[in-house]
N, C-alpha and C. Protein backbone atom coordinates (compact mmCIF):
# COMPACT_ATOMS: atom_id res chain seq x y z
N UNK A 1 22.30 -87.85 -15.60
CA UNK A 1 22.80 -89.03 -16.26
C UNK A 1 21.78 -89.61 -17.24
N UNK A 2 20.55 -89.13 -17.13
CA UNK A 2 19.50 -89.65 -17.99
C UNK A 2 19.77 -89.33 -19.46
N UNK A 3 20.58 -88.32 -19.75
CA UNK A 3 20.84 -87.92 -21.14
C UNK A 3 22.02 -88.64 -21.77
N UNK A 4 22.64 -89.57 -21.04
CA UNK A 4 23.73 -90.36 -21.63
C UNK A 4 23.10 -91.62 -22.21
N UNK A 5 22.50 -91.45 -23.37
CA UNK A 5 21.79 -92.55 -24.04
C UNK A 5 21.69 -92.22 -25.52
N UNK A 6 21.18 -93.16 -26.32
CA UNK A 6 21.11 -92.93 -27.78
C UNK A 6 20.19 -91.80 -28.22
N UNK A 7 19.35 -91.28 -27.33
CA UNK A 7 18.50 -90.16 -27.75
C UNK A 7 19.18 -88.81 -27.55
N UNK A 8 20.29 -88.78 -26.83
CA UNK A 8 20.97 -87.52 -26.57
C UNK A 8 22.46 -87.63 -26.90
N UNK A 9 23.29 -87.79 -25.88
CA UNK A 9 24.74 -87.75 -26.06
C UNK A 9 25.25 -88.78 -27.07
N UNK A 10 24.68 -89.96 -27.06
CA UNK A 10 25.15 -91.04 -27.93
C UNK A 10 24.34 -91.15 -29.22
N UNK A 11 23.56 -90.13 -29.54
CA UNK A 11 22.71 -90.15 -30.73
C UNK A 11 23.57 -90.06 -31.99
N UNK A 12 23.55 -91.12 -32.82
CA UNK A 12 24.38 -91.10 -34.03
C UNK A 12 23.92 -90.06 -35.05
N UNK A 13 22.69 -89.58 -34.94
CA UNK A 13 22.19 -88.57 -35.88
C UNK A 13 22.64 -87.15 -35.52
N UNK A 14 23.14 -86.97 -34.31
CA UNK A 14 23.59 -85.64 -33.90
C UNK A 14 24.94 -85.34 -34.54
N UNK A 15 25.12 -84.11 -34.90
CA UNK A 15 26.41 -83.64 -35.37
C UNK A 15 27.43 -83.86 -34.24
N UNK A 16 28.65 -84.32 -34.56
CA UNK A 16 29.64 -84.55 -33.50
C UNK A 16 29.89 -83.31 -32.63
N UNK A 17 29.82 -82.13 -33.22
CA UNK A 17 30.03 -80.92 -32.43
C UNK A 17 28.88 -80.70 -31.45
N UNK A 18 27.66 -81.05 -31.86
CA UNK A 18 26.51 -80.94 -30.95
C UNK A 18 26.69 -81.88 -29.76
N UNK A 19 27.27 -83.06 -30.01
CA UNK A 19 27.52 -84.00 -28.91
C UNK A 19 28.57 -83.45 -27.94
N UNK A 20 29.55 -82.71 -28.46
CA UNK A 20 30.53 -82.06 -27.57
C UNK A 20 29.82 -81.08 -26.64
N UNK A 21 28.89 -80.31 -27.19
CA UNK A 21 28.15 -79.36 -26.36
C UNK A 21 27.29 -80.08 -25.32
N UNK A 22 26.71 -81.21 -25.69
CA UNK A 22 25.91 -81.98 -24.73
C UNK A 22 26.79 -82.53 -23.62
N UNK A 23 27.96 -83.06 -23.97
CA UNK A 23 28.89 -83.56 -22.95
C UNK A 23 29.34 -82.42 -22.04
N UNK A 24 29.57 -81.26 -22.61
CA UNK A 24 29.95 -80.07 -21.85
C UNK A 24 28.86 -79.71 -20.88
N UNK A 25 27.61 -79.67 -21.34
CA UNK A 25 26.48 -79.32 -20.47
C UNK A 25 26.34 -80.33 -19.34
N UNK A 26 26.42 -81.61 -19.68
CA UNK A 26 26.27 -82.64 -18.65
C UNK A 26 27.37 -82.55 -17.60
N UNK A 27 28.61 -82.38 -18.04
CA UNK A 27 29.70 -82.31 -17.06
C UNK A 27 29.63 -81.03 -16.24
N UNK A 28 29.25 -79.91 -16.85
CA UNK A 28 29.09 -78.66 -16.11
C UNK A 28 28.01 -78.81 -15.05
N UNK A 29 26.87 -79.37 -15.44
CA UNK A 29 25.78 -79.58 -14.48
C UNK A 29 26.23 -80.50 -13.34
N UNK A 30 27.00 -81.54 -13.66
CA UNK A 30 27.48 -82.45 -12.63
C UNK A 30 28.37 -81.71 -11.63
N UNK A 31 29.29 -80.89 -12.12
CA UNK A 31 30.19 -80.19 -11.21
C UNK A 31 29.47 -79.12 -10.39
N UNK A 32 28.49 -78.45 -10.98
CA UNK A 32 27.68 -77.50 -10.21
C UNK A 32 26.92 -78.24 -9.12
N UNK A 33 26.36 -79.40 -9.47
CA UNK A 33 25.64 -80.23 -8.49
C UNK A 33 26.57 -80.65 -7.35
N UNK A 34 27.76 -81.14 -7.69
CA UNK A 34 28.70 -81.59 -6.65
C UNK A 34 29.13 -80.44 -5.75
N UNK A 35 29.36 -79.27 -6.33
CA UNK A 35 29.70 -78.10 -5.52
C UNK A 35 28.54 -77.73 -4.61
N UNK A 36 27.32 -77.76 -5.13
CA UNK A 36 26.15 -77.43 -4.31
C UNK A 36 25.99 -78.42 -3.16
N UNK A 37 26.22 -79.70 -3.41
CA UNK A 37 26.14 -80.71 -2.34
C UNK A 37 27.19 -80.42 -1.28
N UNK A 38 28.41 -80.11 -1.70
CA UNK A 38 29.47 -79.76 -0.75
C UNK A 38 29.05 -78.55 0.09
N UNK A 39 28.50 -77.54 -0.57
CA UNK A 39 28.09 -76.32 0.14
C UNK A 39 26.97 -76.59 1.13
N UNK A 40 26.08 -77.53 0.80
CA UNK A 40 25.00 -77.86 1.73
C UNK A 40 25.56 -78.39 3.05
N UNK A 41 26.71 -79.04 2.99
CA UNK A 41 27.32 -79.59 4.20
C UNK A 41 28.24 -78.58 4.88
N UNK A 42 28.39 -77.40 4.27
CA UNK A 42 29.21 -76.34 4.86
C UNK A 42 28.30 -75.36 5.58
N UNK A 43 28.64 -75.06 6.80
CA UNK A 43 27.78 -74.19 7.62
C UNK A 43 27.55 -72.83 6.96
N UNK A 44 26.28 -72.45 6.87
CA UNK A 44 25.92 -71.13 6.37
C UNK A 44 25.97 -70.95 4.86
N UNK A 45 26.10 -72.04 4.11
CA UNK A 45 26.22 -71.93 2.65
C UNK A 45 24.97 -72.41 1.91
N UNK A 46 23.85 -72.57 2.62
CA UNK A 46 22.64 -73.12 2.01
C UNK A 46 22.12 -72.24 0.87
N UNK A 47 22.19 -70.93 1.04
CA UNK A 47 21.65 -70.04 0.02
C UNK A 47 22.48 -70.11 -1.26
N UNK A 48 23.80 -70.12 -1.13
CA UNK A 48 24.65 -70.26 -2.32
C UNK A 48 24.38 -71.59 -3.01
N UNK A 49 24.27 -72.66 -2.23
CA UNK A 49 23.96 -73.97 -2.80
C UNK A 49 22.62 -73.93 -3.53
N UNK A 50 21.65 -73.25 -2.95
CA UNK A 50 20.33 -73.14 -3.58
C UNK A 50 20.41 -72.38 -4.90
N UNK A 51 21.16 -71.29 -4.93
CA UNK A 51 21.31 -70.52 -6.17
C UNK A 51 21.99 -71.35 -7.26
N UNK A 52 23.03 -72.10 -6.89
CA UNK A 52 23.71 -72.93 -7.88
C UNK A 52 22.78 -73.98 -8.46
N UNK A 53 22.04 -74.65 -7.59
CA UNK A 53 21.09 -75.66 -8.06
C UNK A 53 20.01 -75.03 -8.92
N UNK A 54 19.54 -73.88 -8.52
CA UNK A 54 18.50 -73.18 -9.27
C UNK A 54 19.00 -72.79 -10.67
N UNK A 55 20.28 -72.48 -10.79
CA UNK A 55 20.84 -72.13 -12.11
C UNK A 55 20.64 -73.25 -13.12
N UNK A 56 20.81 -74.49 -12.69
CA UNK A 56 20.64 -75.62 -13.60
C UNK A 56 19.20 -75.67 -14.10
N UNK A 57 18.25 -75.55 -13.18
CA UNK A 57 16.85 -75.61 -13.59
C UNK A 57 16.42 -74.37 -14.37
N UNK A 58 16.96 -73.21 -14.01
CA UNK A 58 16.63 -71.99 -14.74
C UNK A 58 17.12 -72.10 -16.19
N UNK A 59 18.28 -72.68 -16.38
CA UNK A 59 18.78 -72.90 -17.74
C UNK A 59 17.83 -73.75 -18.56
N UNK A 60 17.26 -74.78 -17.94
CA UNK A 60 16.29 -75.62 -18.64
C UNK A 60 15.03 -74.82 -18.96
N UNK A 61 14.54 -74.07 -17.98
CA UNK A 61 13.31 -73.28 -18.17
C UNK A 61 13.50 -72.30 -19.33
N UNK A 62 14.63 -71.61 -19.36
CA UNK A 62 14.89 -70.65 -20.44
C UNK A 62 14.95 -71.36 -21.78
N UNK A 63 15.66 -72.49 -21.83
CA UNK A 63 15.76 -73.21 -23.10
C UNK A 63 14.40 -73.73 -23.56
N UNK A 64 13.55 -74.15 -22.62
CA UNK A 64 12.21 -74.62 -22.98
C UNK A 64 11.34 -73.48 -23.49
N UNK A 65 11.42 -72.34 -22.83
CA UNK A 65 10.61 -71.19 -23.25
C UNK A 65 11.05 -70.64 -24.61
N UNK A 66 12.32 -70.77 -24.93
CA UNK A 66 12.85 -70.23 -26.18
C UNK A 66 12.83 -71.23 -27.34
N UNK A 67 12.29 -72.43 -27.12
CA UNK A 67 12.26 -73.43 -28.20
C UNK A 67 11.68 -72.91 -29.50
N UNK A 68 10.59 -72.13 -29.48
CA UNK A 68 10.04 -71.63 -30.75
C UNK A 68 11.03 -70.75 -31.53
N UNK A 69 11.95 -70.11 -30.84
CA UNK A 69 12.89 -69.21 -31.51
C UNK A 69 14.07 -69.93 -32.15
N UNK A 70 14.45 -71.09 -31.62
CA UNK A 70 15.60 -71.80 -32.20
C UNK A 70 15.22 -73.15 -32.80
N UNK A 71 13.92 -73.44 -32.88
CA UNK A 71 13.46 -74.68 -33.50
C UNK A 71 13.65 -75.91 -32.63
N UNK A 72 13.67 -75.73 -31.33
CA UNK A 72 13.84 -76.85 -30.42
C UNK A 72 12.55 -77.64 -30.22
N UNK A 73 12.71 -78.85 -29.76
CA UNK A 73 11.58 -79.73 -29.44
C UNK A 73 11.80 -80.29 -28.04
N UNK A 74 10.74 -80.48 -27.26
CA UNK A 74 10.90 -80.98 -25.90
C UNK A 74 11.33 -82.44 -25.82
N UNK A 75 11.08 -83.20 -26.88
CA UNK A 75 11.48 -84.61 -26.92
C UNK A 75 12.00 -84.93 -28.31
N UNK A 76 12.81 -85.97 -28.38
CA UNK A 76 13.35 -86.37 -29.67
C UNK A 76 12.31 -87.03 -30.55
N UNK A 77 12.52 -86.93 -31.84
CA UNK A 77 11.59 -87.50 -32.81
C UNK A 77 11.50 -89.02 -32.64
N UNK A 78 10.26 -89.51 -32.56
CA UNK A 78 10.02 -90.93 -32.42
C UNK A 78 10.22 -91.48 -31.02
N UNK A 79 10.47 -90.61 -30.06
CA UNK A 79 10.68 -91.05 -28.68
C UNK A 79 9.38 -90.82 -27.92
N UNK A 80 8.80 -91.88 -27.38
CA UNK A 80 7.54 -91.69 -26.64
C UNK A 80 7.78 -90.94 -25.33
N UNK A 81 6.92 -89.99 -25.05
CA UNK A 81 7.03 -89.20 -23.82
C UNK A 81 5.64 -89.02 -23.26
N UNK A 82 5.43 -89.42 -22.01
CA UNK A 82 4.11 -89.19 -21.40
C UNK A 82 3.80 -87.70 -21.34
N UNK A 83 2.53 -87.38 -21.48
CA UNK A 83 2.10 -85.99 -21.41
C UNK A 83 0.98 -85.84 -20.40
N UNK A 84 0.91 -84.67 -19.80
CA UNK A 84 -0.20 -84.29 -18.93
C UNK A 84 -0.70 -82.96 -19.47
N UNK A 85 -1.98 -82.89 -19.74
CA UNK A 85 -2.63 -81.73 -20.38
C UNK A 85 -1.82 -81.22 -21.59
N UNK A 86 -1.42 -82.17 -22.43
CA UNK A 86 -0.67 -81.90 -23.66
C UNK A 86 0.69 -81.25 -23.44
N UNK A 87 1.25 -81.40 -22.25
CA UNK A 87 2.59 -80.89 -21.95
C UNK A 87 3.47 -82.10 -21.63
N UNK A 88 4.62 -82.25 -22.33
CA UNK A 88 5.51 -83.37 -22.04
C UNK A 88 5.90 -83.41 -20.56
N UNK A 89 5.95 -84.62 -20.03
CA UNK A 89 6.23 -84.81 -18.61
C UNK A 89 7.57 -84.19 -18.20
N UNK A 90 8.59 -84.30 -19.07
CA UNK A 90 9.89 -83.73 -18.69
C UNK A 90 9.81 -82.22 -18.49
N UNK A 91 9.00 -81.54 -19.30
CA UNK A 91 8.82 -80.09 -19.13
C UNK A 91 8.14 -79.81 -17.80
N UNK A 92 7.07 -80.55 -17.51
CA UNK A 92 6.35 -80.34 -16.25
C UNK A 92 7.24 -80.59 -15.04
N UNK A 93 8.02 -81.67 -15.07
CA UNK A 93 8.88 -82.02 -13.94
C UNK A 93 9.92 -80.92 -13.69
N UNK A 94 10.60 -80.47 -14.75
CA UNK A 94 11.63 -79.45 -14.56
C UNK A 94 11.04 -78.11 -14.15
N UNK A 95 9.88 -77.74 -14.70
CA UNK A 95 9.25 -76.49 -14.27
C UNK A 95 8.82 -76.60 -12.81
N UNK A 96 8.27 -77.75 -12.42
CA UNK A 96 7.88 -77.95 -11.02
C UNK A 96 9.09 -77.84 -10.11
N UNK A 97 10.20 -78.50 -10.48
CA UNK A 97 11.42 -78.42 -9.66
C UNK A 97 11.94 -76.99 -9.59
N UNK A 98 11.86 -76.26 -10.70
CA UNK A 98 12.29 -74.87 -10.69
C UNK A 98 11.45 -74.05 -9.72
N UNK A 99 10.14 -74.19 -9.79
CA UNK A 99 9.27 -73.41 -8.89
C UNK A 99 9.44 -73.85 -7.43
N UNK A 100 9.60 -75.15 -7.20
CA UNK A 100 9.82 -75.64 -5.84
C UNK A 100 11.12 -75.07 -5.28
N UNK A 101 12.20 -75.16 -6.06
CA UNK A 101 13.48 -74.62 -5.58
C UNK A 101 13.41 -73.11 -5.39
N UNK A 102 12.71 -72.42 -6.27
CA UNK A 102 12.55 -70.97 -6.11
C UNK A 102 11.83 -70.64 -4.81
N UNK A 103 10.80 -71.40 -4.50
CA UNK A 103 10.04 -71.18 -3.28
C UNK A 103 10.90 -71.44 -2.04
N UNK A 104 11.65 -72.53 -2.07
CA UNK A 104 12.53 -72.85 -0.93
C UNK A 104 13.60 -71.76 -0.77
N UNK A 105 14.16 -71.31 -1.88
CA UNK A 105 15.14 -70.23 -1.80
C UNK A 105 14.50 -68.96 -1.23
N UNK A 106 13.29 -68.66 -1.64
CA UNK A 106 12.56 -67.51 -1.08
C UNK A 106 12.43 -67.65 0.43
N UNK A 107 12.06 -68.85 0.89
CA UNK A 107 11.91 -69.08 2.34
C UNK A 107 13.25 -68.93 3.06
N UNK A 108 14.33 -69.44 2.46
CA UNK A 108 15.65 -69.29 3.07
C UNK A 108 16.05 -67.82 3.17
N UNK A 109 15.82 -67.08 2.10
CA UNK A 109 16.16 -65.65 2.12
C UNK A 109 15.30 -64.90 3.12
N UNK A 110 14.02 -65.23 3.18
CA UNK A 110 13.11 -64.58 4.12
C UNK A 110 13.57 -64.84 5.56
N UNK A 111 13.95 -66.08 5.84
CA UNK A 111 14.42 -66.45 7.18
C UNK A 111 15.72 -65.71 7.52
N UNK A 112 16.58 -65.59 6.54
CA UNK A 112 17.86 -64.90 6.78
C UNK A 112 17.63 -63.42 7.05
N UNK A 113 16.69 -62.81 6.33
CA UNK A 113 16.40 -61.38 6.51
C UNK A 113 15.63 -61.12 7.79
N UNK A 114 14.67 -61.98 8.09
CA UNK A 114 13.80 -61.78 9.25
C UNK A 114 13.72 -63.09 10.04
N UNK A 115 14.73 -63.41 10.86
CA UNK A 115 14.81 -64.71 11.54
C UNK A 115 13.63 -65.06 12.44
N UNK A 116 12.94 -64.09 12.97
CA UNK A 116 11.85 -64.39 13.92
C UNK A 116 10.46 -64.33 13.28
N UNK A 117 10.33 -63.92 12.05
CA UNK A 117 8.98 -63.74 11.54
C UNK A 117 8.85 -64.17 10.16
């Protein structure tokens, strides 16, 4: 929901078609999230829920890594963004979440394959 603001979805400088794609991305991510939450409450569906959640973060990681190829920027022009070691905080947070979720998924898969060890 953080992207429903004048720097993203409501940005008057964005092409109207680009805003359609942003609304599409936001609603798709919301429905994937809701499905993953439902699956977490369903017995034995933790791994599928983890994969769905990981897809959202993997999409961000791929888009961040490919920014040089499509002229993307990690933050909007004129928008202040805290940085740590010259890396925008939003990039660090999403990469951290991606690696954390990947590690948890690894542990879930390991437990499923080898329940005692």
